Amino acid sequence: MQAAFTLLLFLSCATARATDYYVSPSGDDANAGTAPRQAWKTLAPVNAKTFAPGDRILFEAGGRWMGQLKPQGSGAEGQPIALDRFGDGPLPRIEGEGEVEAALYLYNVEHWEVRSLEISNAGYEVKEGRRCGVFIHLNDFGEAHHIVLDSLLVRDVSGWGSHNSNSGDGIAWLNEGKTTPSRFNGLRIENCQIARPHLNGIWGWSQHWQRPSWHPSINVVIRNNLVEDAGMSGIVPVGCDGALVEHNRIVRPSRRGTGIGIWPWSCDNTIIQFNEVSGSDGTHDGQAFDSDWNCRNSVFQYNYSHDNKGGFVLVCTSGLKEENAGCQGTVVRYNISENDGGTAKQVIFVVGPCNDTRIYNNTIYAGPHINAHLVELADWEGLPSNTFFHNNLVYAEGKLTFAFGDSTNNHFTHNALFGAIVDPPADSNSVTADPQLTKPGAGGTLGDTNRLQTLDAYRLRSSSPLIDKGLDLRKELGWDVGTRDYFGNALPAGARSDIGAHEYTP
């Protein structure tokens, strides 16, 4: 009883200590900052104070502040420190003007929630150092819990060079440490809009990505974000285990070079689902999705990819090295691809010693302007092995070819191949008749991931020859194929699985 009373008293006191602080263009830094009429004026007093659990720092709507916002202090479980706005009007603006590493910099803190701010960091071109809109950084910190970025507008982050320069990311995180390995537990980035970053929209990096010193971030969620006109890539988690990337829209990535819509790097058990990626136009790569170097068990499902010149999906790794587990167990299932691949590219590209890549029950449409490899398997200090291509529906009005090279143990069966498909692999169970899709080629841009299931152009008609013609992957191969198709229908709806991303349900 005494222990319970002591805990209650502690919680009551902790709550009582929480304070709201206000920042307004009409304020004064000599004020206490604890009421709208006693608001601070600049970022200086915010950066100078160490905040306590439950505190809130509120910026006045419509206000504008130059420089770097770098608040200090950590919240506690159930008592995060909040950055937010007060009043009505446009989002408060924090502008780094290209003079600072990050307009918002959270360094060695945890239990923070940041909402409803507009952040930019545009300025002259730099040739060294990092430049971000938002930078979350751990160094010899240990495990940082519960950091949330929600409903931010991050725009116009200038930078230089390629994706290896670390200059020009909208939202970036880094965990490192020589004495205390650091990682994130509960990092959430959601409902944000990132526009015109020089490099990447959302980019994470970890010093602990190598397998001998593997210390991945966990419970990382990136959802409901819009990334537009990224110079390189849209969303790139690195050094995570179990990251969830869902309901994001990536529009026109790879504007200035090598980039991909969404791709984990050195991650395990990543789930990428319910995303729309479109308009990639890179000089190299340029796919919508990628399971990249040192990744294991990546799952890409229920996504819509269209008009990406680099293709639909890349799976890649270089030859095995001490720090690299390879690229193993990638699953690509129940996605729809429309007009990906452009000219002289690949719709699906598997390169290097990737093992056990499973590509099944996808629907792929190639319009008259597409002239590409449907599947290319290539060398990168080693060759792909055990690549499975089952139950996929391919509708080609353009020209699609195959390039398997010297790859080994390829499995190709129960696919529907209709139209201008040249010299496909032998498949005695293939279906070459018209699949009778509702309106192939009419997917277009959805503009809202909540509308993915309304992509009626790629539903099967009731008379389709693909109904119940798929390989039973559960029974025949023992695979876990999930519980639903692209449209949310249960699997299977009939006696056997259908071919393609739609499991027809009367």
Protein backbone atom coordinates (compact mmCIF):
# COMPACT_ATOMS: atom_id res chain seq x y z
CA MET A 1 0.00 0.00 0.00
CA GLN A 2 2.82 2.36 0.93
CA ALA A 3 4.65 1.49 -2.33
CA ALA A 4 1.55 2.25 -4.39
CA PHE A 5 1.08 5.59 -2.59
CA THR A 6 4.73 6.50 -3.18
CA LEU A 7 4.42 5.69 -6.91
CA LEU A 8 1.24 7.76 -7.19
CA LEU A 9 2.92 10.68 -5.44
CA PHE A 10 5.93 10.42 -7.74
CA LEU A 11 3.77 10.40 -10.86
CA SER A 12 1.74 13.34 -9.55
CA CYS A 13 4.87 15.36 -8.87
CA ALA A 14 6.36 14.44 -12.26
CA THR A 15 3.20 15.58 -14.01
CA ALA A 16 3.13 18.78 -12.01
CA ARG A 17 6.61 19.70 -13.18
CA ALA A 18 5.59 19.67 -16.86
CA THR A 19 5.52 23.18 -18.35
CA ASP A 20 4.31 24.71 -21.58
CA TYR A 21 6.73 27.15 -23.22
CA TYR A 22 5.72 29.57 -25.97
CA VAL A 23 7.70 31.14 -28.81
CA SER A 24 6.29 34.03 -30.82
CA PRO A 25 7.67 36.62 -33.27
CA SER A 26 6.15 39.25 -30.97
CA GLY A 27 7.75 37.79 -27.84
CA ASP A 28 10.85 38.78 -25.89
CA ASP A 29 13.73 36.52 -24.91
CA ALA A 30 13.75 38.19 -21.50
CA ASN A 31 10.31 36.73 -20.81
CA ALA A 32 9.71 33.53 -18.84
CA GLY A 33 8.25 31.90 -21.94
CA THR A 34 5.55 30.14 -19.93
CA ALA A 35 2.48 31.88 -21.35
CA PRO A 36 1.50 33.27 -24.76
CA ARG A 37 1.89 36.83 -23.45
CA GLN A 38 5.24 35.88 -21.90
CA ALA A 39 6.55 34.13 -25.01
CA TRP A 40 10.17 33.96 -26.08
CA LYS A 41 11.06 35.60 -29.38
CA THR A 42 13.97 33.62 -30.90
CA LEU A 43 15.40 30.11 -30.93
CA ALA A 44 18.19 31.05 -28.51
CA PRO A 45 16.33 30.50 -25.21
CA VAL A 46 14.81 27.27 -26.56
CA ASN A 47 18.25 25.90 -27.40
CA ALA A 48 19.68 27.03 -24.07
CA LYS A 49 17.15 25.25 -21.88
CA THR A 50 17.14 21.58 -20.85
CA PHE A 51 13.52 20.48 -20.94
CA ALA A 52 11.87 17.99 -18.58
CA PRO A 53 9.43 15.10 -19.16
CA GLY A 54 6.01 16.33 -20.24
CA ASP A 55 7.17 19.80 -21.26
CA ARG A 56 5.84 21.33 -24.46
CA ILE A 57 7.52 23.94 -26.66
CA LEU A 58 4.87 25.67 -28.77
CA PHE A 59 5.64 27.94 -31.73
CA GLU A 60 3.05 30.46 -32.86
CA ALA A 61 1.28 29.61 -36.11
CA GLY A 62 2.44 31.80 -38.97
CA GLY A 63 5.75 32.62 -37.28
CA ARG A 64 9.16 32.32 -38.92
CA TRP A 65 12.51 31.60 -37.27
CA MET A 66 15.98 31.44 -38.85
CA GLY A 67 18.80 29.18 -37.76
CA GLN A 68 18.95 25.85 -35.98
CA LEU A 69 16.46 24.52 -33.45
CA LYS A 70 18.42 22.16 -31.16
CA PRO A 71 16.44 21.54 -27.97
CA GLN A 72 17.90 19.57 -25.07
CA GLY A 73 16.61 17.12 -22.49
CA SER A 74 14.69 13.85 -22.65
CA GLY A 75 11.15 12.92 -21.80
CA ALA A 76 10.11 9.75 -20.03
CA GLU A 77 7.81 6.85 -20.79
CA GLY A 78 4.30 8.27 -21.04
CA GLN A 79 5.66 11.82 -20.70
CA PRO A 80 7.29 12.82 -23.96
CA ILE A 81 8.57 16.31 -24.59
CA ALA A 82 6.58 17.91 -27.41
CA LEU A 83 7.40 20.41 -30.12
CA ASP A 84 4.20 21.76 -31.64
CA ARG A 85 2.37 24.94 -32.55
CA PHE A 86 -0.24 27.17 -30.94
CA GLY A 87 -2.80 29.46 -32.51
CA ASP A 88 -4.44 29.41 -35.92
CA GLY A 89 -2.77 29.93 -39.26
CA PRO A 90 0.07 28.47 -41.35
CA LEU A 91 2.61 26.09 -39.88
CA PRO A 92 5.41 27.77 -37.91
CA ARG A 93 8.55 27.85 -40.06
CA ILE A 94 12.08 26.92 -39.01
CA GLU A 95 14.51 27.90 -41.77
CA GLY A 96 18.13 26.84 -41.66
CA GLU A 97 18.94 28.90 -44.79
CA GLY A 98 21.70 26.43 -45.65
CA GLU A 99 23.85 27.82 -42.84
CA VAL A 100 23.40 24.91 -40.42
CA GLU A 101 23.78 21.14 -40.50
CA ALA A 102 20.08 20.70 -39.75
CA ALA A 103 17.24 23.14 -39.22
CA LEU A 104 15.89 20.81 -36.50
CA TYR A 105 18.56 18.78 -34.70
CA LEU A 106 17.65 16.22 -32.02
CA TYR A 107 20.93 15.02 -30.49
CA ASN A 108 21.18 12.24 -27.87
CA VAL A 109 17.62 12.61 -26.64
CA GLU A 110 14.60 10.29 -26.36
CA HIS A 111 10.86 10.47 -25.73
CA TRP A 112 10.20 13.39 -28.07
CA GLU A 113 7.17 14.12 -30.25
CA VAL A 114 7.50 16.76 -32.98
CA ARG A 115 4.41 17.91 -34.86
CA SER A 116 3.03 20.60 -37.15
CA LEU A 117 6.17 22.51 -38.16
CA GLU A 118 7.46 23.62 -41.55
CA ILE A 119 11.19 23.08 -41.95
CA SER A 120 13.60 24.05 -44.71
CA ASN A 121 17.35 24.31 -45.16
CA ALA A 122 17.96 25.89 -48.54
CA GLY A 123 21.01 27.95 -49.36
CA TYR A 124 24.28 28.04 -51.18
CA GLU A 125 25.91 24.84 -52.38
CA VAL A 126 28.32 23.26 -49.88
CA LYS A 127 31.13 20.86 -50.69
CA GLU A 128 31.54 19.21 -47.31
CA GLY A 129 29.57 18.19 -44.23
CA ARG A 130 25.96 17.20 -43.77
CA ARG A 131 22.88 19.23 -44.51
CA CYS A 132 19.37 18.06 -43.56
CA GLY A 133 16.00 19.45 -42.81
CA VAL A 134 15.56 17.28 -39.70
CA PHE A 135 18.46 15.30 -38.20
CA ILE A 136 18.03 12.76 -35.36
CA HIS A 137 21.44 11.74 -34.07
CA LEU A 138 22.62 9.26 -31.43
CA ASN A 139 26.28 9.00 -30.48
CA ASP A 140 27.42 6.79 -27.55
CA PHE A 141 23.89 7.16 -26.18
CA GLY A 142 22.62 3.59 -25.95
CA GLU A 143 18.98 2.87 -26.81
CA ALA A 144 16.75 5.86 -27.53
CA HIS A 145 13.02 5.27 -27.13
CA HIS A 146 9.96 6.88 -28.67
CA ILE A 147 10.91 9.61 -31.10
CA VAL A 148 7.97 10.70 -33.25
CA LEU A 149 7.91 13.06 -36.22
CA ASP A 150 4.31 13.72 -37.25
CA SER A 151 2.67 16.08 -39.75
CA LEU A 152 5.80 18.01 -40.69
CA LEU A 153 6.36 19.86 -43.96
CA VAL A 154 10.04 19.52 -44.84
CA ARG A 155 11.01 21.24 -48.06
CA ASP A 156 13.86 22.63 -50.12
CA VAL A 157 16.93 21.12 -48.53
CA SER A 158 19.99 22.07 -50.58
CA GLY A 159 23.03 19.88 -50.87
CA TRP A 160 25.65 18.59 -53.22
CA GLY A 161 26.88 15.43 -54.86
CA SER A 162 25.58 11.87 -54.78
CA HIS A 163 23.79 9.87 -52.09
CA ASN A 164 27.15 9.12 -50.42
CA SER A 165 27.74 12.79 -49.66
CA ASN A 166 25.15 12.91 -46.81
CA SER A 167 24.16 16.38 -47.94
CA GLY A 168 20.60 17.23 -48.84
CA ASP A 169 18.26 14.83 -46.99
CA GLY A 170 14.80 15.92 -45.88
CA ILE A 171 14.66 13.79 -42.72
CA ALA A 172 17.73 11.83 -41.66
CA TRP A 173 18.80 9.75 -38.70
CA LEU A 174 22.15 8.39 -37.59
CA ASN A 175 23.03 6.04 -34.73
CA GLU A 176 26.67 5.50 -33.86
CA GLY A 177 29.00 5.06 -30.92
CA LYS A 178 32.55 3.90 -30.23
CA THR A 179 32.06 3.12 -26.53
CA THR A 180 28.27 2.64 -26.29
CA PRO A 181 26.52 1.15 -29.33
CA SER A 182 23.41 3.20 -29.99
CA ARG A 183 20.12 2.47 -31.68
CA PHE A 184 16.51 3.63 -31.92
CA ASN A 185 13.62 1.76 -30.37
CA GLY A 186 10.33 3.26 -31.44
CA LEU A 187 11.25 5.79 -34.14
CA ARG A 188 8.13 6.89 -36.02
CA ILE A 189 7.97 9.16 -39.04
CA GLU A 190 4.40 9.63 -40.22
CA ASN A 191 2.04 11.99 -42.01
CA CYS A 192 4.93 14.15 -43.23
CA GLN A 193 5.40 15.86 -46.58
CA ILE A 194 8.95 16.10 -47.90
CA ALA A 195 9.38 18.20 -51.04
CA ARG A 196 12.46 18.85 -53.17
CA PRO A 197 15.30 17.47 -51.05
CA HIS A 198 18.58 17.52 -52.95
CA LEU A 199 19.17 13.86 -52.07
CA ASN A 200 16.72 11.67 -50.16
CA GLY A 201 13.33 12.21 -48.61
CA ILE A 202 13.77 10.00 -45.53
CA TRP A 203 17.20 8.44 -44.97
CA GLY A 204 18.60 6.52 -42.00
CA TRP A 205 22.14 5.39 -41.36
CA SER A 206 23.72 3.21 -38.69
CA GLN A 207 27.35 2.74 -37.77
CA HIS A 208 26.39 -0.75 -36.61
CA TRP A 209 25.18 -2.19 -39.92
CA GLN A 210 28.02 -4.71 -40.29
CA ARG A 211 27.13 -8.27 -39.32
CA PRO A 212 30.06 -8.70 -36.87
CA SER A 213 28.83 -5.62 -34.93
CA TRP A 214 25.11 -5.88 -35.82
CA HIS A 215 23.04 -3.69 -33.50
CA PRO A 216 19.88 -2.80 -35.44
CA SER A 217 17.28 -0.21 -34.61
CA ILE A 218 13.90 -1.76 -33.81
CA ASN A 219 10.24 -0.73 -33.95
CA VAL A 220 10.92 1.76 -36.76
CA VAL A 221 7.72 2.81 -38.54
CA ILE A 222 7.58 5.07 -41.62
CA ARG A 223 4.00 5.58 -42.78
CA ASN A 224 1.60 7.94 -44.53
CA ASN A 225 4.34 10.22 -45.87
CA LEU A 226 4.53 12.00 -49.22
CA VAL A 227 7.96 12.46 -50.80
CA GLU A 228 8.09 14.55 -53.96
CA ASP A 229 10.95 15.37 -56.34
CA ALA A 230 13.76 13.77 -54.37
CA GLY A 231 17.11 14.10 -56.08
CA MET A 232 17.95 10.50 -55.23
CA SER A 233 15.64 8.23 -53.23
CA GLY A 234 12.35 8.44 -51.39
CA ILE A 235 12.68 6.30 -48.25
CA VAL A 236 15.81 4.40 -47.18
CA PRO A 237 15.95 2.63 -43.80
CA VAL A 238 19.43 1.33 -42.89
CA GLY A 239 20.47 -0.98 -40.07
CA CYS A 240 16.99 -1.91 -38.85
CA ASP A 241 15.25 -5.11 -37.83
CA GLY A 242 11.51 -5.32 -38.42
CA ALA A 243 11.02 -1.86 -39.94
CA LEU A 244 7.52 -1.17 -41.30
CA VAL A 245 7.22 1.12 -44.35
CA GLU A 246 3.60 1.53 -45.39
CA HIS A 247 1.03 3.85 -46.99
CA ASN A 248 3.67 6.22 -48.38
CA ARG A 249 3.63 7.99 -51.74
CA ILE A 250 6.90 8.57 -53.57
CA VAL A 251 6.50 10.86 -56.58
CA ARG A 252 9.29 11.55 -59.08
CA PRO A 253 12.35 10.22 -57.24
CA SER A 254 15.79 10.02 -58.89
CA ARG A 255 15.60 13.51 -60.32
CA ARG A 256 19.36 14.06 -60.17
CA GLY A 257 20.99 10.62 -60.37
CA THR A 258 21.09 7.20 -58.75
CA GLY A 259 18.02 6.59 -56.64
CA ILE A 260 15.10 4.29 -55.91
CA GLY A 261 11.64 4.88 -54.49
CA ILE A 262 11.82 2.73 -51.33
CA TRP A 263 14.70 0.45 -50.40
CA PRO A 264 16.07 -1.06 -47.19
CA TRP A 265 19.84 -1.43 -46.93
CA SER A 266 21.44 -3.80 -44.41
CA CYS A 267 18.07 -4.52 -42.80
CA ASP A 268 16.30 -7.67 -41.66
CA ASN A 269 12.57 -8.48 -41.76
CA THR A 270 11.48 -5.23 -43.41
CA ILE A 271 7.86 -4.99 -44.53
CA ILE A 272 7.12 -2.56 -47.38
CA GLN A 273 3.38 -2.47 -48.12
CA PHE A 274 0.52 -0.30 -49.41
CA ASN A 275 2.85 2.24 -51.05
CA GLU A 276 2.56 4.03 -54.40
CA VAL A 277 5.80 4.87 -56.23
CA SER A 278 5.77 6.65 -59.57
CA GLY A 279 7.76 8.70 -62.03
CA SER A 280 11.33 7.63 -61.23
CA ASP A 281 13.68 9.00 -63.87
CA GLY A 282 17.20 8.16 -62.71
CA THR A 283 20.39 7.85 -64.72
CA HIS A 284 21.08 4.56 -62.90
CA ASP A 285 18.86 2.22 -60.89
CA GLY A 286 15.56 4.13 -60.89
CA GLN A 287 13.34 1.28 -59.69
CA ALA A 288 10.31 1.71 -57.48
CA PHE A 289 11.52 -0.82 -54.88
CA ASP A 290 14.77 -2.51 -53.93
CA SER A 291 15.90 -5.16 -51.45
CA ASP A 292 19.52 -4.17 -51.24
CA TRP A 293 22.90 -5.14 -49.85
CA ASN A 294 23.00 -7.21 -46.63
CA CYS A 295 19.20 -7.51 -46.37
CA ARG A 296 17.40 -10.62 -45.17
CA ASN A 297 13.69 -11.46 -45.41
CA SER A 298 12.45 -8.24 -47.02
CA VAL A 299 8.75 -8.40 -47.96
CA PHE A 300 7.22 -6.15 -50.65
CA GLN A 301 3.45 -6.61 -50.81
CA TYR A 302 0.25 -4.78 -51.83
CA ASN A 303 2.17 -1.92 -53.48
CA TYR A 304 1.39 -0.04 -56.70
CA SER A 305 4.30 0.95 -58.93
CA HIS A 306 3.92 2.84 -62.19
CA ASP A 307 5.86 4.81 -64.77
CA ASN A 308 9.27 4.20 -63.25
CA LYS A 309 11.87 4.17 -66.03
CA GLY A 310 14.27 2.06 -63.96
CA GLY A 311 11.73 -0.70 -63.42
CA PHE A 312 9.53 -2.23 -60.76
CA VAL A 313 11.90 -4.00 -58.37
CA LEU A 314 15.62 -4.56 -57.81
CA VAL A 315 17.12 -7.27 -55.61
CA CYS A 316 20.88 -6.99 -55.26
CA THR A 317 24.03 -7.68 -53.29
CA SER A 318 27.70 -7.97 -54.06
CA GLY A 319 29.78 -11.09 -53.44
CA LEU A 320 29.68 -12.26 -49.85
CA LYS A 321 32.12 -10.58 -47.50
CA GLU A 322 32.66 -10.71 -43.77
CA GLU A 323 30.30 -7.84 -43.00
CA ASN A 324 27.66 -8.88 -45.54
CA ALA A 325 25.07 -11.63 -45.05
CA GLY A 326 24.07 -11.25 -48.67
CA CYS A 327 20.54 -10.61 -49.87
CA GLN A 328 18.43 -13.55 -48.78
CA GLY A 329 14.78 -14.47 -48.63
CA THR A 330 13.31 -11.46 -50.46
CA VAL A 331 9.56 -11.81 -51.12
CA VAL A 332 7.75 -9.77 -53.80
CA ARG A 333 4.04 -10.63 -53.85
CA TYR A 334 0.60 -9.24 -54.68
CA ASN A 335 1.86 -5.99 -56.18
CA ILE A 336 0.75 -4.20 -59.35
CA SER A 337 3.27 -2.72 -61.77
CA GLU A 338 2.18 -0.51 -64.67
CA ASN A 339 4.54 0.77 -67.35
CA ASP A 340 7.74 0.23 -65.38
CA GLY A 341 11.01 -0.42 -67.17
CA GLY A 342 11.08 2.16 -69.93
CA THR A 343 13.48 1.29 -72.73
CA ALA A 344 16.50 -1.01 -72.41
CA LYS A 345 15.97 -1.48 -68.68
CA GLN A 346 14.49 -4.24 -66.54
CA VAL A 347 11.08 -4.61 -64.96
CA ILE A 348 12.56 -7.06 -62.44
CA PHE A 349 16.33 -7.07 -61.86
CA VAL A 350 18.11 -9.56 -59.58
CA VAL A 351 21.87 -9.01 -59.47
CA GLY A 352 24.65 -10.62 -57.45
CA PRO A 353 24.57 -13.74 -55.23
CA CYS A 354 21.00 -13.19 -54.00
CA ASN A 355 19.45 -16.38 -52.70
CA ASP A 356 15.86 -17.57 -52.32
CA THR A 357 14.16 -14.63 -54.03
CA ARG A 358 10.42 -15.30 -54.28
CA ILE A 359 8.44 -13.31 -56.83
CA TYR A 360 4.86 -14.46 -57.07
CA ASN A 361 1.26 -13.35 -57.71
CA ASN A 362 2.16 -9.95 -59.09
CA THR A 363 0.37 -8.27 -61.99
CA ILE A 364 2.63 -6.51 -64.48
CA TYR A 365 1.43 -4.39 -67.40
CA ALA A 366 3.81 -3.06 -70.08
CA GLY A 367 2.36 -0.49 -72.48
CA PRO A 368 3.34 -0.09 -76.14
CA HIS A 369 6.29 2.19 -75.28
CA ILE A 370 7.99 -0.38 -73.01
CA ASN A 371 10.93 -2.35 -74.44
CA ALA A 372 12.73 -4.03 -71.56
CA HIS A 373 13.73 -7.27 -69.91
CA LEU A 374 10.84 -8.61 -67.90
CA VAL A 375 13.35 -10.48 -65.73
CA GLU A 376 17.13 -10.04 -65.77
CA LEU A 377 19.46 -12.03 -63.53
CA ALA A 378 23.03 -10.74 -63.54
CA ASP A 379 26.47 -11.03 -61.97
CA TRP A 380 27.91 -8.82 -59.20
CA GLU A 381 30.83 -10.75 -57.76
CA GLY A 382 28.48 -13.73 -57.84
CA LEU A 383 25.24 -14.88 -59.44
CA PRO A 384 21.65 -15.19 -58.24
CA SER A 385 20.51 -18.64 -57.15
CA ASN A 386 17.11 -20.09 -56.26
CA THR A 387 15.00 -17.38 -57.85
CA PHE A 388 11.29 -18.24 -57.98
CA PHE A 389 8.85 -16.66 -60.45
CA HIS A 390 5.41 -18.16 -59.89
CA ASN A 391 1.74 -17.21 -60.45
CA ASN A 392 2.58 -13.84 -62.00
CA LEU A 393 0.36 -12.18 -64.59
CA VAL A 394 2.22 -10.32 -67.35
CA TYR A 395 0.29 -8.33 -69.95
CA ALA A 396 2.60 -6.89 -72.61
CA GLU A 397 1.65 -4.47 -75.35
CA GLY A 398 5.28 -3.44 -75.56
CA LYS A 399 8.18 -5.85 -75.91
CA LEU A 400 9.41 -7.91 -72.93
CA THR A 401 12.36 -10.29 -73.01
CA PHE A 402 14.36 -12.41 -70.56
CA ALA A 403 18.05 -12.46 -69.58
CA PHE A 404 18.91 -15.18 -67.06
CA GLY A 405 22.63 -15.30 -67.89
CA ASP A 406 24.55 -17.91 -65.90
CA SER A 407 22.31 -17.76 -62.83
CA THR A 408 21.39 -21.10 -61.29
CA ASN A 409 18.37 -22.92 -59.87
CA ASN A 410 15.73 -20.70 -61.42
CA HIS A 411 12.11 -21.78 -61.01
CA PHE A 412 9.49 -20.47 -63.43
CA THR A 413 5.99 -21.91 -63.47
CA HIS A 414 2.23 -21.22 -63.51
CA ASN A 415 2.62 -17.71 -64.93
CA ALA A 416 0.23 -15.96 -67.32
CA LEU A 417 2.17 -14.44 -70.23
CA PHE A 418 0.03 -12.51 -72.69
CA GLY A 419 1.15 -10.31 -75.55
CA ALA A 420 4.58 -9.33 -76.88
CA ILE A 421 6.71 -11.56 -74.66
CA VAL A 422 9.76 -12.94 -76.48
CA ASP A 423 11.25 -16.39 -75.77
CA PRO A 424 9.94 -16.98 -72.26
CA PRO A 425 11.42 -19.79 -70.17
CA ALA A 426 9.80 -23.19 -70.56
CA ASP A 427 6.66 -23.43 -68.47
CA SER A 428 4.23 -26.25 -69.26
CA ASN A 429 1.73 -24.71 -66.82
CA SER A 430 1.72 -21.21 -68.29
CA VAL A 431 -1.45 -19.55 -69.55
CA THR A 432 -1.10 -17.51 -72.73
CA ALA A 433 -4.75 -16.63 -73.33
CA ASP A 434 -6.14 -13.15 -72.76
CA PRO A 435 -6.31 -12.84 -68.92
CA GLN A 436 -9.46 -10.72 -69.25
CA LEU A 437 -8.46 -7.86 -67.00
CA THR A 438 -11.02 -5.14 -66.45
CA LYS A 439 -9.06 -2.35 -68.18
CA PRO A 440 -5.30 -3.01 -68.44
CA GLY A 441 -3.15 0.10 -68.71
CA ALA A 442 -5.71 2.38 -67.09
CA GLY A 443 -4.30 2.43 -63.56
CA GLY A 444 -2.78 5.90 -63.73
CA THR A 445 -1.98 7.88 -60.59
CA LEU A 446 -4.07 7.18 -57.52
CA GLY A 447 -2.69 9.99 -55.34
CA ASP A 448 -3.94 8.42 -52.13
CA THR A 449 -2.74 5.09 -50.73
CA ASN A 450 -6.13 4.60 -49.13
CA ARG A 451 -7.38 4.12 -52.70
CA LEU A 452 -5.02 1.29 -53.65
CA GLN A 453 -7.80 -1.28 -53.46
CA THR A 454 -9.85 0.77 -55.95
CA LEU A 455 -7.41 -0.01 -58.79
CA ASP A 456 -10.13 -1.83 -60.70
CA ALA A 457 -8.22 -1.86 -64.00
CA TYR A 458 -6.34 -4.97 -62.85
CA ARG A 459 -9.17 -7.06 -61.46
CA LEU A 460 -9.96 -10.33 -63.23
CA ARG A 461 -13.28 -10.67 -64.95
CA SER A 462 -15.48 -13.59 -63.94
CA SER A 463 -14.62 -15.37 -67.21
CA SER A 464 -10.84 -15.06 -66.78
CA PRO A 465 -8.84 -18.22 -67.60
CA LEU A 466 -6.53 -17.43 -64.65
CA ILE A 467 -9.05 -18.27 -61.94
CA ASP A 468 -7.96 -21.33 -59.93
CA LYS A 469 -4.97 -21.86 -62.25
CA GLY A 470 -2.17 -20.86 -59.89
CA LEU A 471 0.32 -23.11 -58.11
CA ASP A 472 -0.69 -23.85 -54.53
CA LEU A 473 2.41 -22.36 -52.92
CA ARG A 474 1.35 -23.32 -49.41
CA LYS A 475 0.78 -26.95 -50.26
CA GLU A 476 3.42 -27.51 -52.92
CA LEU A 477 6.28 -25.43 -51.52
CA GLY A 478 5.31 -24.87 -47.89
CA TRP A 479 5.42 -21.08 -48.22
CA ASP A 480 3.64 -18.59 -46.02
CA VAL A 481 1.89 -16.52 -48.69
CA GLY A 482 -0.02 -14.22 -46.36
CA THR A 483 -3.77 -14.00 -45.92
CA ARG A 484 -4.94 -11.57 -48.62
CA ASP A 485 -4.46 -10.43 -52.20
CA TYR A 486 -3.77 -6.89 -53.43
CA PHE A 487 -7.45 -5.99 -53.15
CA GLY A 488 -7.98 -7.40 -49.67
CA ASN A 489 -9.63 -10.67 -50.71
CA ALA A 490 -8.90 -13.74 -48.60
CA LEU A 491 -6.54 -16.43 -49.95
CA PRO A 492 -7.57 -18.61 -51.63
CA ALA A 493 -11.12 -17.70 -52.64
CA GLY A 494 -11.67 -20.86 -54.72
CA ALA A 495 -10.34 -24.37 -55.02
CA ARG A 496 -6.85 -23.07 -55.89
CA SER A 497 -5.01 -19.77 -56.05
CA ASP A 498 -5.56 -17.51 -59.04
CA ILE A 499 -2.73 -16.13 -61.16
CA GLY A 500 -1.83 -12.48 -60.61
CA ALA A 501 -2.43 -9.98 -57.81
CA HIS A 502 -6.23 -10.47 -57.81
CA GLU A 503 -7.81 -13.48 -56.12
CA TYR A 504 -11.19 -13.41 -57.83
CA THR A 505 -14.13 -13.46 -55.43
CA PRO A 506 -17.65 -13.80 -56.88
